Amino acid sequence: MTPHISRKRSTLAIATAVAAGALLTAGLTTGASAQPVSDATPSAAPAALSSSARAGLLQDANADKAATAGKIGLGAKEKLVVRDVVKDRDGTVHTRYERTYEGLPVLGGDLVVHTAKNGKLKGVTKATKATVKVASTDAKLAKSSVAKSAESTAAKAKTAKADAQSPRKVIWAAEGKPVLAFETVVTGVQKDGTPSRLHVITDAATGKKLFERQAIENGTGNSQYSGKVEIGSKKGTNGFDLTDDARGGHSTFNLENGEGEGKLFTDDDDTWGNGKADDAQTAAVDAAYGAQVTWDYYKNVHGREGIKGDGKGATSRVHYGDSYVNAFWDDSCFCMTYGDGEGNKKPLTSIDVAAHEMSHGVTSATGNMEYSGESGGLNEATSDIFGTSVEFNAKSPEDIGDYLIGEEIDINGDGSPLRYMDKPSKDGQSLDNWSADAGNVDVHYSSGIANHFFYLLSEGSGAKEINGVKYDSPTADGSKVEGIGRDKAEKIWFKALTTEFTTTTDYKAAREGTLKAASELYGADSAEYKGVEAAWTGVNVK
């Protein structure tokens, strides 16, 4: 049914679910509600950190980074740059670092250092096992020629208004032997109207293109699904502002079918929208509510306060462009942007879109899997996994939790969902199982492998009905998989994402990372560990 959206109260802190991120997610919920971390939580689960406690850990890591670099065997020309930190309930600290070589960023050089409560080094997870070393950091190519080449790459991707920023020298270590390279960011507009921020990596000696990735992570969706809800607002100079101080100051802006920064939504009586697209505030309500339930989910289930874990809210922008049928997360503005759909009648502001897109932000702040190849499929799947988890935890009476992605937005026009987690190939393009060609498939379709894994891990194989939806999940080898429950499955994926995954993580490494997470959370002989093994085997990742 079409939701009647929105009654808002100032400084209202409504509670269930989660913070933000990533496009193309699933609908709403009716599952177990998100509960605060309790004593029943495994000791290896992440502890809830206040922003000040997190800042203190980052400060300590920064002060010790030179000693840490020596302890883990980095060369004299290499230095660490602190990026993120996670502390487990048992005192173990996982510190994520970027790396430099002679002052140049090392792309693919990121790593996570695992330290016990007593300060003893427990291990290191590296994006590359190669020794980072190049003969010289003097480039043979001129920046002007590199920029022109990058613009040509963007043109082939049908990028309009392509404009290459000044290339920067980097060490490319994400694939094979590290080499001196240039990274060029080309801005512009993608063919569907989405902003473009294309990163092109060029060999500094030969001019060969080594890699390219799109930094704007997006998909498709519609909105107005959550019914009458309460959202956070506050008293402003002219009535009320759509700013949620209870969730890091998240604010919602009106782009008025244009671009730019937009105007903060305000209202005289703190009652927003009418549940229909003809009122500009309705889309704002949906966007704010989606951000709200996403924030609550990450905080209550995983102890993470905000997308970056620093207690700061993101920004939502609605009514982007003219008849723009998409939505996207952009790290550069730390914001979620929604179009209004065909004819500006179906804003893409549903909870599933918000949670999926904002989870791209969580991934960017943690595992940061490169948005290309197998790592890109894992990046997309992470947003589907947490979008689904947010949907179940939101407990919306208007949109019950399920393992269908985008079932409410009707993007296909026939009532079918965008993606299916129990059998991804039902959409006609997604992969059910891993094969050697998985890295050559569009990331929205190679994500099916991990989506299928998550469904099998949560619910198991075979036919069943959950919340009124019928599923029948096969396995690659015909084996039977017993599910361990969604609550445990999502905790395993989150721990792997935040402590084991890196920019170069592929499906084999994801299997290893989730097994390690399951071992630390539940034990190496546990049913949960065996469930992870069986679920990965079920999608042919061995």
Protein backbone atom coordinates (compact mmCIF):
# COMPACT_ATOMS: atom_id res chain seq x y z
CA MET A 1 0.00 0.00 0.00
CA THR A 2 1.09 3.55 -0.50
CA PRO A 3 2.38 4.90 2.78
CA HIS A 4 0.99 7.90 4.41
CA ILE A 5 4.23 9.47 5.32
CA SER A 6 5.16 11.52 8.10
CA ARG A 7 4.48 13.24 11.19
CA LYS A 8 7.62 14.68 12.71
CA ARG A 9 8.47 15.92 16.05
CA SER A 10 11.36 18.16 16.88
CA THR A 11 14.43 16.56 18.38
CA LEU A 12 12.61 13.27 18.07
CA ALA A 13 14.91 10.32 18.51
CA ILE A 14 13.04 7.35 17.15
CA ALA A 15 14.75 4.15 17.40
CA THR A 16 15.25 1.23 15.27
CA ALA A 17 17.73 0.95 12.74
CA VAL A 18 20.58 2.29 11.17
CA ALA A 19 22.57 4.70 9.41
CA ALA A 20 23.22 4.82 5.85
CA GLY A 21 24.33 3.78 2.68
CA ALA A 22 24.24 2.18 -0.60
CA LEU A 23 21.91 1.83 -3.44
CA LEU A 24 19.53 -0.88 -4.47
CA THR A 25 18.45 -2.52 -1.32
CA ALA A 26 15.51 -4.39 -0.11
CA GLY A 27 12.15 -3.40 1.24
CA LEU A 28 11.01 -3.12 4.83
CA THR A 29 10.54 -5.38 7.65
CA THR A 30 9.01 -7.50 10.06
CA GLY A 31 11.71 -9.46 11.75
CA ALA A 32 13.41 -9.35 15.07
CA SER A 33 14.04 -5.81 16.14
CA ALA A 34 17.54 -4.49 16.56
CA GLN A 35 18.61 -4.86 20.16
CA PRO A 36 21.45 -3.08 21.93
CA VAL A 37 24.63 -5.11 22.33
CA SER A 38 24.16 -7.27 25.41
CA ASP A 39 26.20 -9.60 27.57
CA ALA A 40 25.02 -12.48 25.36
CA THR A 41 27.05 -11.01 22.54
CA PRO A 42 30.32 -12.91 21.84
CA SER A 43 33.41 -11.37 23.42
CA ALA A 44 34.99 -11.02 19.98
CA ALA A 45 32.09 -8.88 18.73
CA PRO A 46 32.80 -5.16 18.27
CA ALA A 47 32.34 -3.03 21.36
CA ALA A 48 30.19 0.07 21.24
CA LEU A 49 32.60 3.01 21.14
CA SER A 50 31.72 6.60 21.89
CA SER A 51 33.12 9.14 19.45
CA SER A 52 35.59 10.31 22.11
CA ALA A 53 36.76 6.75 22.87
CA ARG A 54 37.24 6.08 19.16
CA ALA A 55 39.14 9.34 18.76
CA GLY A 56 41.42 8.30 21.63
CA LEU A 57 42.22 4.97 19.98
CA LEU A 58 42.98 6.70 16.70
CA GLN A 59 45.23 9.18 18.50
CA ASP A 60 47.13 6.34 20.20
CA ALA A 61 47.53 4.52 16.88
CA ASN A 62 48.80 7.67 15.21
CA ALA A 63 51.37 8.21 17.96
CA ASP A 64 52.61 4.62 17.62
CA LYS A 65 52.46 4.25 13.83
CA ALA A 66 56.22 4.41 13.28
CA ALA A 67 56.81 1.67 15.82
CA THR A 68 53.94 -0.34 14.35
CA ALA A 69 55.44 -0.05 10.85
CA GLY A 70 58.69 -1.51 12.16
CA LYS A 71 56.92 -4.21 14.13
CA ILE A 72 55.08 -5.51 11.06
CA GLY A 73 58.19 -5.37 8.85
CA LEU A 74 57.60 -2.41 6.55
CA GLY A 75 60.59 -0.92 4.73
CA ALA A 76 62.33 2.32 5.69
CA LYS A 77 60.59 4.23 2.86
CA GLU A 78 57.14 3.10 3.93
CA LYS A 79 54.90 4.87 6.44
CA LEU A 80 51.46 4.17 7.86
CA VAL A 81 48.45 6.48 7.79
CA VAL A 82 45.75 5.66 10.37
CA ARG A 83 42.30 5.28 8.83
CA ASP A 84 39.90 3.41 11.14
CA VAL A 85 39.79 1.44 14.35
CA VAL A 86 37.53 -1.25 15.82
CA LYS A 87 37.78 -2.55 19.38
CA ASP A 88 36.30 -5.88 20.39
CA ARG A 89 34.57 -6.52 23.69
CA ASP A 90 37.55 -8.67 24.77
CA GLY A 91 39.96 -5.75 24.28
CA THR A 92 41.39 -6.77 20.90
CA VAL A 93 41.98 -3.72 18.69
CA HIS A 94 41.87 -3.81 14.89
CA THR A 95 43.53 -0.72 13.39
CA ARG A 96 43.16 -0.05 9.67
CA TYR A 97 45.96 1.81 7.88
CA GLU A 98 46.73 3.20 4.46
CA ARG A 99 50.38 3.10 3.40
CA THR A 100 52.78 5.52 1.70
CA TYR A 101 56.08 4.93 -0.08
CA GLU A 102 58.47 7.88 -0.23
CA GLY A 103 55.44 10.03 0.54
CA LEU A 104 53.33 8.63 -2.32
CA PRO A 105 50.00 6.89 -1.58
CA VAL A 106 50.16 3.13 -2.10
CA LEU A 107 46.90 2.05 -3.71
CA GLY A 108 46.29 -1.52 -2.66
CA GLY A 109 48.71 -1.13 0.23
CA ASP A 110 46.07 -0.92 2.97
CA LEU A 111 46.27 -3.29 5.91
CA VAL A 112 44.70 -4.08 9.27
CA VAL A 113 46.84 -4.64 12.37
CA HIS A 114 45.26 -6.87 15.04
CA THR A 115 46.52 -6.23 18.59
CA ALA A 116 45.59 -8.11 21.77
CA LYS A 117 44.41 -6.36 24.92
CA ASN A 118 47.93 -6.62 26.36
CA GLY A 119 49.41 -4.89 23.31
CA LYS A 120 50.83 -8.02 21.72
CA LEU A 121 50.60 -8.23 17.92
CA LYS A 122 48.11 -10.94 16.91
CA GLY A 123 48.44 -10.62 13.15
CA VAL A 124 48.17 -8.43 10.06
CA THR A 125 45.70 -8.56 7.18
CA LYS A 126 47.18 -7.03 4.02
CA ALA A 127 45.59 -6.05 0.72
CA THR A 128 48.79 -7.09 -1.05
CA LYS A 129 51.43 -9.61 -0.07
CA ALA A 130 53.95 -8.11 -2.49
CA THR A 131 56.91 -6.08 -1.23
CA VAL A 132 56.20 -2.42 -1.93
CA LYS A 133 59.26 -1.12 -3.77
CA VAL A 134 59.92 0.69 -7.06
CA ALA A 135 63.21 1.61 -8.74
CA SER A 136 62.39 5.30 -8.92
CA THR A 137 59.58 7.72 -8.12
CA ASP A 138 60.46 9.96 -11.06
CA ALA A 139 57.76 9.72 -13.74
CA LYS A 140 58.61 9.65 -17.45
CA LEU A 141 55.22 10.89 -18.60
CA ALA A 142 53.94 14.48 -18.42
CA LYS A 143 50.80 15.04 -16.35
CA SER A 144 49.12 16.74 -19.29
CA SER A 145 49.34 13.63 -21.48
CA VAL A 146 48.14 11.44 -18.62
CA ALA A 147 45.11 13.69 -18.07
CA LYS A 148 44.26 13.65 -21.78
CA SER A 149 44.43 9.86 -21.83
CA ALA A 150 42.17 9.64 -18.77
CA GLU A 151 39.61 11.91 -20.44
CA SER A 152 39.67 9.57 -23.42
CA THR A 153 38.92 6.66 -21.10
CA ALA A 154 35.98 8.59 -19.66
CA ALA A 155 34.71 9.37 -23.16
CA LYS A 156 34.65 5.66 -23.97
CA ALA A 157 32.46 5.21 -20.89
CA LYS A 158 30.11 7.82 -22.43
CA THR A 159 30.87 10.43 -19.75
CA ALA A 160 29.54 13.87 -20.68
CA LYS A 161 31.33 17.07 -19.65
CA ALA A 162 34.46 15.04 -18.86
CA ASP A 163 37.05 17.10 -17.00
CA ALA A 164 40.28 15.51 -15.78
CA GLN A 165 41.68 16.81 -12.52
CA SER A 166 45.45 17.12 -12.13
CA PRO A 167 46.92 13.58 -11.95
CA ARG A 168 48.74 12.57 -8.77
CA LYS A 169 51.64 10.16 -8.53
CA VAL A 170 50.91 6.94 -6.65
CA ILE A 171 52.28 3.45 -6.21
CA TRP A 172 49.89 0.93 -7.78
CA ALA A 173 50.06 -2.22 -5.66
CA ALA A 174 46.56 -3.62 -5.99
CA GLU A 175 47.59 -6.06 -8.73
CA GLY A 176 50.87 -7.85 -9.37
CA LYS A 177 54.22 -6.16 -8.83
CA PRO A 178 53.95 -2.59 -7.47
CA VAL A 179 54.69 0.12 -10.06
CA LEU A 180 54.88 3.90 -10.17
CA ALA A 181 51.64 5.24 -11.61
CA PHE A 182 49.35 8.24 -11.93
CA GLU A 183 45.83 8.43 -10.56
CA THR A 184 43.55 10.81 -12.46
CA VAL A 185 40.02 11.66 -11.36
CA VAL A 186 37.75 12.59 -14.26
CA THR A 187 34.51 14.32 -13.28
CA GLY A 188 31.45 14.62 -15.48
CA VAL A 189 28.01 13.11 -15.97
CA GLN A 190 27.20 9.45 -16.67
CA LYS A 191 24.77 8.61 -19.46
CA ASP A 192 21.83 8.18 -17.03
CA GLY A 193 22.42 11.59 -15.42
CA THR A 194 24.38 10.35 -12.42
CA PRO A 195 27.45 12.44 -11.55
CA SER A 196 30.69 10.74 -12.56
CA ARG A 197 33.93 10.55 -10.63
CA LEU A 198 36.02 8.12 -12.64
CA HIS A 199 39.41 7.15 -11.20
CA VAL A 200 41.90 6.10 -13.88
CA ILE A 201 45.26 4.50 -13.00
CA THR A 202 48.00 4.91 -15.61
CA ASP A 203 51.49 3.37 -15.64
CA ALA A 204 53.89 6.31 -15.18
CA ALA A 205 56.50 4.74 -17.47
CA THR A 206 54.48 3.30 -20.35
CA GLY A 207 51.21 5.24 -20.28
CA LYS A 208 49.23 1.98 -20.19
CA LYS A 209 45.91 2.10 -18.39
CA LEU A 210 46.18 -0.23 -15.42
CA PHE A 211 42.76 0.18 -13.82
CA GLU A 212 39.62 2.30 -13.69
CA ARG A 213 36.78 2.56 -11.20
CA GLN A 214 33.68 4.69 -10.72
CA ALA A 215 33.60 6.37 -7.30
CA ILE A 216 29.88 7.19 -7.44
CA GLU A 217 28.16 4.00 -6.31
CA ASN A 218 24.59 3.71 -7.45
CA GLY A 219 21.55 1.63 -8.48
CA THR A 220 17.73 2.19 -8.86
CA GLY A 221 14.58 2.44 -6.68
CA ASN A 222 11.28 4.11 -5.74
CA SER A 223 9.74 5.32 -2.47
CA GLN A 224 6.82 6.23 -0.24
CA TYR A 225 6.69 2.85 1.46
CA SER A 226 6.99 3.46 5.18
CA GLY A 227 3.59 4.83 6.09
CA LYS A 228 3.13 7.33 8.89
CA VAL A 229 6.41 7.64 10.79
CA GLU A 230 8.12 9.91 13.27
CA ILE A 231 11.47 11.42 12.39
CA GLY A 232 14.02 13.71 14.00
CA SER A 233 13.72 17.47 13.52
CA LYS A 234 14.57 20.48 15.64
CA LYS A 235 13.44 24.04 16.33
CA GLY A 236 15.04 26.45 13.89
CA THR A 237 14.97 30.17 13.20
CA ASN A 238 11.92 29.79 10.95
CA GLY A 239 9.84 27.00 12.46
CA PHE A 240 11.47 23.58 12.35
CA ASP A 241 14.51 22.21 10.49
CA LEU A 242 14.74 18.64 9.17
CA THR A 243 17.91 17.96 11.16
CA ASP A 244 18.22 14.99 13.51
CA ASP A 245 20.60 15.90 16.33
CA ALA A 246 19.97 12.54 17.98
CA ARG A 247 21.70 10.92 15.00
CA GLY A 248 24.78 13.01 14.43
CA GLY A 249 22.99 16.01 12.94
CA HIS A 250 21.75 14.23 9.82
CA SER A 251 20.05 16.83 7.62
CA THR A 252 17.83 16.59 4.56
CA PHE A 253 18.06 19.08 1.68
CA ASN A 254 15.87 19.95 -1.31
CA LEU A 255 17.64 20.13 -4.69
CA GLU A 256 14.41 21.28 -6.37
CA ASN A 257 15.03 19.06 -9.42
CA GLY A 258 18.46 20.55 -9.94
CA GLU A 259 21.95 19.94 -8.60
CA GLY A 260 24.24 21.71 -6.13
CA GLU A 261 23.91 21.70 -2.35
CA GLY A 262 20.20 22.47 -2.08
CA LYS A 263 18.14 24.06 0.71
CA LEU A 264 17.56 22.59 4.14
CA PHE A 265 13.94 21.48 4.54
CA THR A 266 11.98 23.60 7.02
CA ASP A 267 8.37 23.51 8.21
CA ASP A 268 6.13 25.75 10.29
CA ASP A 269 4.34 23.16 12.43
CA ASP A 270 6.70 20.15 12.44
CA THR A 271 4.26 17.99 10.47
CA TRP A 272 5.89 17.00 7.19
CA GLY A 273 4.59 15.69 3.89
CA ASN A 274 1.28 14.11 2.89
CA GLY A 275 2.38 10.64 1.80
CA LYS A 276 2.23 11.56 -1.87
CA ALA A 277 4.85 12.68 -4.37
CA ASP A 278 3.03 15.94 -5.07
CA ASP A 279 4.28 17.28 -1.73
CA ALA A 280 8.06 17.89 -1.88
CA GLN A 281 8.35 17.11 1.83
CA THR A 282 7.14 13.52 1.41
CA ALA A 283 10.38 12.41 -0.25
CA ALA A 284 12.31 14.25 2.47
CA VAL A 285 10.44 12.28 5.14
CA ASP A 286 11.27 8.98 3.48
CA ALA A 287 14.93 9.94 3.09
CA ALA A 288 15.23 11.11 6.69
CA TYR A 289 13.47 8.01 7.98
CA GLY A 290 15.70 5.74 5.89
CA ALA A 291 18.79 7.41 7.34
CA GLN A 292 17.31 7.15 10.82
CA VAL A 293 16.63 3.41 10.76
CA THR A 294 20.02 2.78 9.17
CA TRP A 295 21.80 4.73 11.93
CA ASP A 296 19.88 2.84 14.63
CA TYR A 297 20.65 -0.54 13.10
CA TYR A 298 24.41 -0.04 12.99
CA LYS A 299 24.44 1.42 16.48
CA ASN A 300 22.16 -1.09 18.19
CA VAL A 301 23.29 -4.24 16.39
CA HIS A 302 26.98 -3.58 15.72
CA GLY A 303 27.90 -0.85 18.20
CA ARG A 304 28.85 1.53 15.37
CA GLU A 305 27.70 5.10 15.84
CA GLY A 306 27.37 6.58 12.38
CA ILE A 307 28.69 5.57 8.99
CA LYS A 308 32.30 6.30 9.86
CA GLY A 309 31.88 5.29 13.49
CA ASP A 310 32.63 8.86 14.58
CA GLY A 311 29.13 9.87 15.67
CA LYS A 312 28.64 12.24 12.74
CA GLY A 313 25.54 12.08 10.57
CA ALA A 314 25.52 12.13 6.79
CA THR A 315 23.39 14.34 4.53
CA SER A 316 20.42 13.37 2.39
CA ARG A 317 19.47 15.31 -0.74
CA VAL A 318 16.17 14.73 -2.53
CA HIS A 319 14.65 15.85 -5.85
CA TYR A 320 17.89 15.55 -7.81
CA GLY A 321 17.69 16.26 -11.54
CA ASP A 322 14.70 15.99 -13.84
CA SER A 323 13.01 12.56 -14.00
CA TYR A 324 16.23 11.01 -12.66
CA VAL A 325 15.58 7.32 -12.06
CA ASN A 326 18.35 6.57 -9.62
CA ALA A 327 19.97 7.30 -6.28
CA PHE A 328 23.62 7.32 -5.24
CA TRP A 329 26.09 7.59 -2.39
CA ASP A 330 29.00 10.02 -2.78
CA ASP A 331 31.86 9.86 -0.28
CA SER A 332 33.19 13.26 -1.33
CA CYS A 333 30.13 15.03 0.13
CA PHE A 334 29.32 12.25 2.61
CA CYS A 335 25.83 12.35 1.21
CA MET A 336 22.98 10.30 -0.18
CA THR A 337 21.19 11.73 -3.24
CA TYR A 338 17.80 10.66 -4.61
CA GLY A 339 16.09 11.30 -7.94
CA ASP A 340 12.32 11.55 -8.42
CA GLY A 341 11.92 8.73 -10.93
CA GLU A 342 10.07 8.72 -14.22
CA GLY A 343 8.07 11.89 -14.69
CA ASN A 344 9.20 13.07 -11.25
CA LYS A 345 6.39 10.97 -9.76
CA LYS A 346 8.25 8.20 -7.93
CA PRO A 347 11.05 9.54 -5.69
CA LEU A 348 13.64 6.85 -4.98
CA THR A 349 13.52 7.36 -1.24
CA SER A 350 12.47 3.99 0.16
CA ILE A 351 14.21 2.46 3.17
CA ASP A 352 15.84 -0.21 1.06
CA VAL A 353 17.47 2.35 -1.21
CA ALA A 354 18.65 4.45 1.73
CA ALA A 355 20.10 1.53 3.68
CA HIS A 356 21.79 0.01 0.64
CA GLU A 357 23.36 3.29 -0.46
CA MET A 358 24.43 4.42 2.97
CA SER A 359 26.03 1.04 3.58
CA HIS A 360 28.33 1.88 0.68
CA GLY A 361 29.55 4.62 3.01
CA VAL A 362 30.18 2.09 5.80
CA THR A 363 32.11 -0.10 3.36
CA SER A 364 34.14 2.88 2.18
CA ALA A 365 35.12 3.66 5.78
CA THR A 366 36.07 0.04 6.56
CA GLY A 367 36.90 -2.74 4.07
CA ASN A 368 36.72 -0.31 1.13
CA MET A 369 36.61 -3.11 -1.45
CA GLU A 370 37.53 -1.70 -4.87
CA TYR A 371 34.38 -1.12 -6.93
CA SER A 372 35.47 -3.38 -9.76
CA GLY A 373 35.89 -7.11 -10.38
CA GLU A 374 35.21 -9.56 -7.57
CA SER A 375 35.92 -6.95 -4.89
CA GLY A 376 33.26 -4.77 -6.50
CA GLY A 377 30.74 -7.61 -6.34
CA LEU A 378 31.50 -7.99 -2.64
CA ASN A 379 31.10 -4.23 -2.19
CA GLU A 380 27.65 -4.33 -3.81
CA ALA A 381 26.63 -7.46 -1.93
CA THR A 382 27.58 -5.85 1.37
CA SER A 383 25.04 -3.13 0.68
CA ASP A 384 22.38 -5.69 -0.22
CA ILE A 385 23.20 -7.72 2.90
CA PHE A 386 22.94 -4.79 5.27
CA GLY A 387 20.03 -3.27 3.36
CA THR A 388 18.17 -6.52 3.95
CA SER A 389 19.28 -6.58 7.59
CA VAL A 390 18.08 -3.01 8.11
CA GLU A 391 14.77 -3.92 6.49
CA PHE A 392 14.19 -6.79 8.91
CA ASN A 393 15.23 -4.69 11.91
CA ALA A 394 13.11 -1.67 11.00
CA LYS A 395 9.95 -3.75 11.63
CA SER A 396 7.81 -1.62 9.34
CA PRO A 397 4.19 -2.80 9.26
CA GLU A 398 3.98 -1.46 5.70
CA ASP A 399 6.91 -3.42 4.29
CA ILE A 400 7.76 -6.77 5.84
CA GLY A 401 11.35 -8.00 5.94
CA ASP A 402 12.39 -10.35 3.15
CA TYR A 403 15.33 -11.50 1.03
CA LEU A 404 14.12 -9.71 -2.09
CA ILE A 405 16.05 -6.64 -3.20
CA GLY A 406 13.98 -3.64 -4.32
CA GLU A 407 10.68 -5.50 -4.37
CA GLU A 408 8.75 -2.34 -3.47
CA ILE A 409 10.10 -0.08 -6.18
CA ASP A 410 8.73 -2.06 -9.13
CA ILE A 411 11.56 -0.90 -11.36
CA ASN A 412 10.71 -3.65 -13.85
CA GLY A 413 7.08 -2.54 -14.08
CA ASP A 414 5.71 -6.01 -13.42
CA GLY A 415 5.92 -6.20 -9.63
CA SER A 416 9.10 -8.30 -9.64
CA PRO A 417 12.03 -7.41 -7.38
CA LEU A 418 15.32 -6.11 -8.63
CA ARG A 419 17.33 -8.99 -7.14
CA TYR A 420 16.72 -12.29 -5.33
CA MET A 421 19.05 -13.47 -2.58
CA ASP A 422 17.84 -17.09 -2.44
CA LYS A 423 18.45 -17.66 -6.15
CA PRO A 424 20.07 -14.57 -7.72
CA SER A 425 19.84 -15.87 -11.29
CA LYS A 426 16.06 -15.43 -11.20
CA ASP A 427 16.64 -11.81 -12.27
CA GLY A 428 18.11 -13.10 -15.52
CA GLN A 429 21.63 -11.73 -15.01
CA SER A 430 22.99 -12.27 -11.49
CA LEU A 431 25.31 -15.14 -10.60
CA ASP A 432 24.18 -17.89 -8.25
CA ASN A 433 27.67 -19.33 -7.84
CA TRP A 434 31.32 -18.42 -8.29
CA SER A 435 33.20 -19.22 -11.49
CA ALA A 436 36.52 -18.07 -12.89
CA ASP A 437 34.68 -15.44 -14.93
CA ALA A 438 33.03 -13.79 -11.91
CA GLY A 439 35.46 -10.86 -11.92
CA ASN A 440 34.43 -9.92 -15.46
CA VAL A 441 30.74 -9.53 -14.62
CA ASP A 442 29.09 -6.22 -13.69
CA VAL A 443 29.39 -5.77 -9.92
CA HIS A 444 25.60 -5.60 -9.48
CA TYR A 445 25.39 -9.15 -10.87
CA SER A 446 28.55 -10.72 -9.45
CA SER A 447 27.18 -9.59 -6.08
CA GLY A 448 24.73 -12.49 -6.44
CA ILE A 449 27.41 -14.92 -5.21
CA ALA A 450 27.72 -13.24 -1.81
CA ASN A 451 23.98 -12.50 -1.62
CA HIS A 452 23.31 -16.21 -2.18
CA PHE A 453 25.94 -17.10 0.44
CA PHE A 454 24.27 -14.79 2.97
CA TYR A 455 20.83 -16.28 2.34
CA LEU A 456 22.16 -19.85 2.68
CA LEU A 457 24.06 -18.93 5.84
CA SER A 458 20.99 -17.27 7.33
CA GLU A 459 18.17 -19.59 6.25
CA GLY A 460 19.68 -22.67 4.61
CA SER A 461 18.92 -24.36 1.30
CA GLY A 462 15.69 -25.77 -0.05
CA ALA A 463 12.08 -24.62 -0.11
CA LYS A 464 10.61 -22.57 2.74
CA GLU A 465 8.31 -19.66 3.45
CA ILE A 466 9.42 -16.65 5.52
CA ASN A 467 7.07 -13.78 6.38
CA GLY A 468 4.71 -14.87 3.65
CA VAL A 469 7.37 -15.05 0.91
CA LYS A 470 8.27 -18.40 -0.64
CA TYR A 471 11.93 -19.22 -1.33
CA ASP A 472 13.72 -22.22 -2.82
CA SER A 473 17.48 -21.87 -2.62
CA PRO A 474 19.69 -24.36 -4.50
CA THR A 475 23.39 -25.08 -3.97
CA ALA A 476 26.14 -25.44 -6.56
CA ASP A 477 26.83 -29.09 -5.67
CA GLY A 478 23.36 -30.16 -4.54
CA SER A 479 24.43 -30.23 -0.89
CA LYS A 480 22.04 -29.35 1.92
CA VAL A 481 22.92 -26.27 3.97
CA GLU A 482 21.48 -25.59 7.43
CA GLY A 483 21.08 -21.89 8.21
CA ILE A 484 22.46 -20.38 11.42
CA GLY A 485 19.98 -17.47 11.54
CA ARG A 486 20.19 -13.99 10.09
CA ASP A 487 21.23 -12.36 13.36
CA LYS A 488 24.44 -14.38 13.53
CA ALA A 489 25.06 -14.21 9.79
CA GLU A 490 24.99 -10.41 9.74
CA LYS A 491 27.35 -10.20 12.73
CA ILE A 492 29.83 -12.49 10.98
CA TRP A 493 29.70 -10.40 7.80
CA PHE A 494 30.10 -7.13 9.71
CA LYS A 495 33.12 -8.39 11.65
CA ALA A 496 34.76 -9.64 8.46
CA LEU A 497 34.05 -6.34 6.72
CA THR A 498 35.52 -4.21 9.49
CA THR A 499 38.51 -6.34 10.52
CA GLU A 500 39.46 -8.61 7.59
CA PHE A 501 38.34 -7.20 4.23
CA THR A 502 40.61 -4.84 2.28
CA THR A 503 40.54 -3.03 -1.06
CA THR A 504 41.61 -6.17 -2.94
CA THR A 505 39.44 -8.78 -1.19
CA ASP A 506 38.06 -11.32 -3.69
CA TYR A 507 35.66 -14.20 -3.06
CA LYS A 508 38.36 -16.60 -1.86
CA ALA A 509 39.63 -13.99 0.60
CA ALA A 510 36.04 -13.23 1.68
CA ARG A 511 35.61 -16.91 2.53
CA GLU A 512 38.79 -16.81 4.62
CA GLY A 513 37.77 -13.55 6.29
CA THR A 514 34.28 -14.73 7.25
CA LEU A 515 35.64 -18.04 8.55
CA LYS A 516 38.08 -16.14 10.74
CA ALA A 517 35.26 -13.89 11.95
CA ALA A 518 33.06 -16.91 12.74
CA SER A 519 35.94 -18.58 14.58
CA GLU A 520 36.59 -15.52 16.71
CA LEU A 521 32.90 -14.92 17.43
CA TYR A 522 31.67 -18.48 17.98
CA GLY A 523 34.66 -20.83 17.91
CA ALA A 524 36.44 -22.91 15.26
CA ASP A 525 34.39 -26.01 16.15
CA SER A 526 31.09 -24.19 16.29
CA ALA A 527 27.98 -24.79 14.20
CA GLU A 528 28.35 -21.20 13.01
CA TYR A 529 31.85 -21.82 11.65
CA LYS A 530 30.70 -25.00 9.92
CA GLY A 531 27.72 -23.08 8.56
CA VAL A 532 30.01 -20.52 6.94
CA GLU A 533 32.04 -23.32 5.35
CA ALA A 534 28.92 -25.03 4.03
CA ALA A 535 27.37 -21.82 2.69
CA TRP A 536 30.50 -20.86 0.76
CA THR A 537 30.75 -24.40 -0.64
CA GLY A 538 27.11 -24.02 -1.62
CA VAL A 539 28.06 -21.13 -3.94
CA ASN A 540 31.24 -22.85 -5.20
CA VAL A 541 33.72 -20.73 -3.24
CA LYS A 542 36.22 -23.21 -1.77
